[in-house]
Amino acid sequence: MTPIAAASGGFQQVSITTTAATLASKLSSAVIPADARHALFYPETKSIRWRADGTAPTAAVGTVMAVDTLHVFENQRGIFDNMKLISADASSAATLNVHFFK
């Protein structure tokens, strides 16, 4: 894995519920930092599913972000803007740590 050599663009811990929603809507500012190009995602409590093709994921369909695993997105601003997420556990929310980089 290539390390991200960039300045921090902010950290947030967000709750990913059992209803699909955009990444931006989960952030406290409801906006992805304008200069964010890279991000580290770390699902802390449960796995998460995501899609960036305009379709909402479900607890059973979408790309899995496994719990306790670091997921690196480099030069993926378009994915951040289109990403929708949902808890992979249909009965409870997941905690996701997100660290953006410029």
N, C-alpha and C. Protein backbone atom coordinates (compact mmCIF):
# COMPACT_ATOMS: atom_id res chain seq x y z
N MET A 1 0.84 -1.17 0.00
CA MET A 1 0.00 0.00 0.00
C MET A 1 0.89 1.23 0.00
N THR A 2 0.56 2.20 -0.82
CA THR A 2 1.29 3.45 -0.90
C THR A 2 0.76 4.39 0.18
N PRO A 3 1.62 4.95 1.01
CA PRO A 3 1.14 5.87 2.03
C PRO A 3 0.65 7.18 1.41
N ILE A 4 -0.31 7.80 2.05
CA ILE A 4 -0.81 9.09 1.60
C ILE A 4 0.12 10.16 2.13
N ALA A 5 0.76 10.89 1.23
CA ALA A 5 1.67 11.97 1.62
C ALA A 5 0.95 13.29 1.37
N ALA A 6 0.11 13.66 2.31
CA ALA A 6 -0.70 14.87 2.13
C ALA A 6 -1.06 15.44 3.50
N ALA A 7 -1.48 16.68 3.49
CA ALA A 7 -1.87 17.35 4.73
C ALA A 7 -3.26 16.90 5.15
N SER A 8 -3.47 16.86 6.46
CA SER A 8 -4.78 16.46 6.98
C SER A 8 -5.85 17.45 6.54
N GLY A 9 -7.01 16.89 6.20
CA GLY A 9 -8.15 17.71 5.82
C GLY A 9 -9.29 17.56 6.79
N GLY A 10 -9.05 16.87 7.92
CA GLY A 10 -10.06 16.75 8.95
C GLY A 10 -10.43 15.31 9.26
N PHE A 11 -10.92 15.11 10.47
CA PHE A 11 -11.34 13.80 10.95
C PHE A 11 -12.76 13.90 11.47
N GLN A 12 -13.55 12.86 11.21
CA GLN A 12 -14.88 12.79 11.80
C GLN A 12 -15.22 11.34 12.10
N GLN A 13 -15.94 11.14 13.19
CA GLN A 13 -16.50 9.84 13.51
C GLN A 13 -18.00 9.95 13.29
N VAL A 14 -18.53 9.09 12.44
CA VAL A 14 -19.95 9.21 12.06
C VAL A 14 -20.68 7.90 12.29
N SER A 15 -21.99 8.01 12.45
CA SER A 15 -22.85 6.84 12.59
C SER A 15 -23.46 6.52 11.24
N ILE A 16 -23.25 5.28 10.79
CA ILE A 16 -23.83 4.82 9.54
C ILE A 16 -25.01 3.93 9.93
N THR A 17 -26.20 4.39 9.61
CA THR A 17 -27.41 3.73 10.08
C THR A 17 -27.87 2.64 9.12
N THR A 18 -29.06 2.11 9.40
CA THR A 18 -29.64 1.05 8.58
C THR A 18 -30.43 1.61 7.40
N THR A 19 -30.33 2.91 7.18
CA THR A 19 -30.92 3.57 6.02
C THR A 19 -29.79 4.16 5.20
N ALA A 20 -29.71 3.85 3.91
CA ALA A 20 -28.64 4.36 3.06
C ALA A 20 -28.68 5.88 2.99
N ALA A 21 -27.50 6.49 3.03
CA ALA A 21 -27.38 7.95 2.97
C ALA A 21 -26.04 8.31 2.36
N THR A 22 -25.93 9.53 1.86
CA THR A 22 -24.67 9.99 1.28
C THR A 22 -23.64 10.21 2.38
N LEU A 23 -22.38 10.11 2.01
CA LEU A 23 -21.30 10.39 2.96
C LEU A 23 -21.42 11.81 3.49
N ALA A 24 -21.65 12.77 2.60
CA ALA A 24 -21.74 14.17 3.03
C ALA A 24 -22.83 14.38 4.08
N SER A 25 -23.96 13.72 3.93
CA SER A 25 -25.06 13.91 4.88
C SER A 25 -24.73 13.38 6.27
N LYS A 26 -23.74 12.51 6.38
CA LYS A 26 -23.34 11.96 7.67
C LYS A 26 -22.31 12.82 8.39
N LEU A 27 -21.67 13.73 7.69
CA LEU A 27 -20.65 14.58 8.30
C LEU A 27 -21.30 15.71 9.07
N SER A 28 -20.64 16.17 10.13
CA SER A 28 -21.22 17.22 10.97
C SER A 28 -21.47 18.50 10.20
N SER A 29 -20.64 18.77 9.19
CA SER A 29 -20.82 19.97 8.38
C SER A 29 -21.77 19.72 7.21
N ALA A 30 -22.14 18.46 6.99
CA ALA A 30 -22.96 18.02 5.86
C ALA A 30 -22.30 18.33 4.52
N VAL A 31 -20.97 18.56 4.56
CA VAL A 31 -20.22 18.85 3.34
C VAL A 31 -18.87 18.14 3.44
N ILE A 32 -18.46 17.50 2.36
CA ILE A 32 -17.12 16.93 2.29
C ILE A 32 -16.15 18.09 2.11
N PRO A 33 -15.05 18.15 2.84
CA PRO A 33 -14.11 19.27 2.69
C PRO A 33 -13.77 19.50 1.21
N ALA A 34 -13.83 20.75 0.79
CA ALA A 34 -13.66 21.11 -0.62
C ALA A 34 -12.33 20.64 -1.19
N ASP A 35 -11.29 20.61 -0.37
CA ASP A 35 -9.97 20.23 -0.88
C ASP A 35 -9.61 18.77 -0.61
N ALA A 36 -10.57 17.97 -0.15
CA ALA A 36 -10.30 16.55 0.13
C ALA A 36 -10.10 15.78 -1.16
N ARG A 37 -8.96 15.11 -1.27
CA ARG A 37 -8.66 14.25 -2.43
C ARG A 37 -8.48 12.81 -2.02
N HIS A 38 -8.11 12.60 -0.78
CA HIS A 38 -7.82 11.26 -0.27
C HIS A 38 -8.58 11.07 1.04
N ALA A 39 -8.80 9.81 1.42
CA ALA A 39 -9.43 9.54 2.71
C ALA A 39 -9.06 8.16 3.21
N LEU A 40 -9.06 8.05 4.52
CA LEU A 40 -8.94 6.76 5.21
C LEU A 40 -10.27 6.50 5.88
N PHE A 41 -10.83 5.33 5.67
CA PHE A 41 -12.09 4.93 6.28
C PHE A 41 -11.80 3.74 7.18
N TYR A 42 -12.31 3.78 8.41
CA TYR A 42 -12.11 2.69 9.35
C TYR A 42 -13.42 2.38 10.06
N PRO A 43 -14.15 1.35 9.60
CA PRO A 43 -15.37 0.94 10.30
C PRO A 43 -14.99 0.34 11.65
N GLU A 44 -15.46 0.96 12.72
CA GLU A 44 -15.01 0.58 14.05
C GLU A 44 -15.87 -0.48 14.73
N THR A 45 -17.17 -0.47 14.50
CA THR A 45 -18.04 -1.37 15.26
C THR A 45 -18.71 -2.45 14.43
N LYS A 46 -18.99 -2.18 13.17
CA LYS A 46 -19.65 -3.13 12.28
C LYS A 46 -19.18 -2.86 10.86
N SER A 47 -19.32 -3.83 10.00
CA SER A 47 -19.02 -3.62 8.58
C SER A 47 -20.05 -2.69 7.96
N ILE A 48 -19.64 -2.07 6.86
CA ILE A 48 -20.48 -1.10 6.14
C ILE A 48 -20.50 -1.52 4.68
N ARG A 49 -21.58 -1.22 3.99
CA ARG A 49 -21.64 -1.40 2.53
C ARG A 49 -21.76 -0.03 1.90
N TRP A 50 -21.15 0.12 0.71
CA TRP A 50 -21.20 1.40 0.01
C TRP A 50 -21.33 1.19 -1.49
N ARG A 51 -21.85 2.22 -2.15
CA ARG A 51 -21.92 2.28 -3.61
C ARG A 51 -21.69 3.72 -4.02
N ALA A 52 -21.18 3.92 -5.23
CA ALA A 52 -20.95 5.27 -5.75
C ALA A 52 -21.48 5.39 -7.18
N ASP A 53 -22.43 4.53 -7.53
CA ASP A 53 -22.97 4.52 -8.89
C ASP A 53 -24.35 5.15 -8.99
N GLY A 54 -24.78 5.81 -7.93
CA GLY A 54 -26.09 6.46 -7.94
C GLY A 54 -27.20 5.60 -7.34
N THR A 55 -26.90 4.34 -7.06
CA THR A 55 -27.87 3.43 -6.46
C THR A 55 -27.55 3.27 -4.98
N ALA A 56 -28.58 3.24 -4.16
CA ALA A 56 -28.37 3.07 -2.72
C ALA A 56 -28.00 1.63 -2.41
N PRO A 57 -27.00 1.42 -1.55
CA PRO A 57 -26.68 0.06 -1.11
C PRO A 57 -27.74 -0.44 -0.15
N THR A 58 -27.74 -1.73 0.10
CA THR A 58 -28.58 -2.33 1.13
C THR A 58 -27.65 -3.08 2.09
N ALA A 59 -28.21 -3.63 3.15
CA ALA A 59 -27.39 -4.39 4.09
C ALA A 59 -26.78 -5.63 3.43
N ALA A 60 -27.32 -6.04 2.27
CA ALA A 60 -26.83 -7.24 1.60
C ALA A 60 -26.14 -6.96 0.26
N VAL A 61 -26.30 -5.76 -0.29
CA VAL A 61 -25.76 -5.45 -1.62
C VAL A 61 -24.95 -4.17 -1.57
N GLY A 62 -23.75 -4.21 -2.11
CA GLY A 62 -22.84 -3.08 -2.14
C GLY A 62 -21.45 -3.57 -1.78
N THR A 63 -20.45 -2.73 -2.00
CA THR A 63 -19.08 -3.09 -1.67
C THR A 63 -18.90 -3.03 -0.16
N VAL A 64 -18.32 -4.08 0.40
CA VAL A 64 -18.15 -4.17 1.86
C VAL A 64 -16.91 -3.42 2.31
N MET A 65 -17.06 -2.62 3.37
CA MET A 65 -15.93 -2.08 4.13
C MET A 65 -15.95 -2.88 5.42
N ALA A 66 -15.04 -3.83 5.53
CA ALA A 66 -15.02 -4.74 6.68
C ALA A 66 -14.65 -4.01 7.96
N VAL A 67 -15.29 -4.42 9.06
CA VAL A 67 -15.02 -3.85 10.37
C VAL A 67 -13.55 -4.09 10.74
N ASP A 68 -12.98 -3.14 11.47
CA ASP A 68 -11.59 -3.21 11.94
C ASP A 68 -10.57 -3.34 10.81
N THR A 69 -10.88 -2.76 9.67
CA THR A 69 -9.99 -2.78 8.51
C THR A 69 -9.86 -1.37 7.96
N LEU A 70 -8.65 -0.95 7.69
CA LEU A 70 -8.41 0.37 7.12
C LEU A 70 -8.64 0.33 5.61
N HIS A 71 -9.44 1.26 5.11
CA HIS A 71 -9.74 1.35 3.68
C HIS A 71 -9.19 2.68 3.18
N VAL A 72 -8.33 2.64 2.16
CA VAL A 72 -7.64 3.82 1.65
C VAL A 72 -8.22 4.21 0.30
N PHE A 73 -8.59 5.47 0.17
CA PHE A 73 -9.08 6.01 -1.10
C PHE A 73 -8.14 7.15 -1.48
N GLU A 74 -7.36 6.96 -2.56
CA GLU A 74 -6.43 7.99 -3.02
C GLU A 74 -6.92 8.58 -4.33
N ASN A 75 -6.90 9.91 -4.41
CA ASN A 75 -7.34 10.64 -5.60
C ASN A 75 -8.74 10.19 -6.04
N GLN A 76 -9.66 10.15 -5.09
CA GLN A 76 -10.99 9.63 -5.35
C GLN A 76 -12.10 10.63 -5.02
N ARG A 77 -11.89 11.89 -5.29
CA ARG A 77 -12.89 12.91 -4.95
C ARG A 77 -14.27 12.57 -5.53
N GLY A 78 -14.32 12.08 -6.74
CA GLY A 78 -15.60 11.74 -7.36
C GLY A 78 -16.35 10.67 -6.58
N ILE A 79 -15.62 9.72 -6.03
CA ILE A 79 -16.27 8.69 -5.21
C ILE A 79 -16.85 9.30 -3.95
N PHE A 80 -16.12 10.19 -3.28
CA PHE A 80 -16.63 10.81 -2.05
C PHE A 80 -17.94 11.53 -2.33
N ASP A 81 -18.00 12.25 -3.44
CA ASP A 81 -19.19 13.04 -3.77
C ASP A 81 -20.40 12.17 -4.07
N ASN A 82 -20.18 10.95 -4.56
CA ASN A 82 -21.28 10.07 -4.96
C ASN A 82 -21.53 8.91 -4.00
N MET A 83 -20.69 8.77 -2.99
CA MET A 83 -20.76 7.62 -2.09
C MET A 83 -22.02 7.63 -1.23
N LYS A 84 -22.70 6.47 -1.21
CA LYS A 84 -23.82 6.24 -0.30
C LYS A 84 -23.43 5.04 0.55
N LEU A 85 -23.76 5.12 1.85
CA LEU A 85 -23.35 4.08 2.79
C LEU A 85 -24.53 3.58 3.61
N ILE A 86 -24.39 2.35 4.11
CA ILE A 86 -25.40 1.75 4.99
C ILE A 86 -24.69 0.74 5.89
N SER A 87 -25.22 0.53 7.08
CA SER A 87 -24.67 -0.51 7.95
C SER A 87 -24.95 -1.87 7.30
N ALA A 88 -23.96 -2.76 7.35
CA ALA A 88 -24.15 -4.11 6.82
C ALA A 88 -24.96 -4.98 7.77
N ASP A 89 -25.20 -4.47 8.97
CA ASP A 89 -26.06 -5.15 9.94
C ASP A 89 -27.43 -4.50 9.83
N ALA A 90 -28.40 -5.22 9.34
CA ALA A 90 -29.73 -4.66 9.08
C ALA A 90 -30.45 -4.20 10.33
N SER A 91 -29.93 -4.52 11.52
CA SER A 91 -30.63 -4.16 12.74
C SER A 91 -29.95 -3.10 13.60
N SER A 92 -28.71 -2.69 13.25
CA SER A 92 -28.07 -1.66 14.08
C SER A 92 -27.03 -0.86 13.30
N ALA A 93 -26.77 0.32 13.80
CA ALA A 93 -25.85 1.26 13.15
C ALA A 93 -24.39 0.84 13.34
N ALA A 94 -23.55 1.37 12.46
CA ALA A 94 -22.10 1.15 12.53
C ALA A 94 -21.41 2.48 12.78
N THR A 95 -20.27 2.45 13.43
CA THR A 95 -19.46 3.65 13.64
C THR A 95 -18.33 3.64 12.61
N LEU A 96 -18.19 4.77 11.90
CA LEU A 96 -17.16 4.89 10.86
C LEU A 96 -16.27 6.07 11.18
N ASN A 97 -14.96 5.83 11.23
CA ASN A 97 -13.98 6.91 11.37
C ASN A 97 -13.52 7.30 9.97
N VAL A 98 -13.57 8.60 9.68
CA VAL A 98 -13.17 9.11 8.35
C VAL A 98 -12.12 10.18 8.56
N HIS A 99 -10.99 10.03 7.90
CA HIS A 99 -9.92 11.03 7.95
C HIS A 99 -9.64 11.47 6.52
N PHE A 100 -9.93 12.75 6.23
CA PHE A 100 -9.71 13.29 4.90
C PHE A 100 -8.30 13.87 4.80
N PHE A 101 -7.75 13.88 3.59
CA PHE A 101 -6.45 14.47 3.31
C PHE A 101 -6.54 15.32 2.06
N LYS A 102 -5.70 16.38 2.04
CA LYS A 102 -5.65 17.31 0.91
C LYS A 102 -4.65 16.83 -0.11
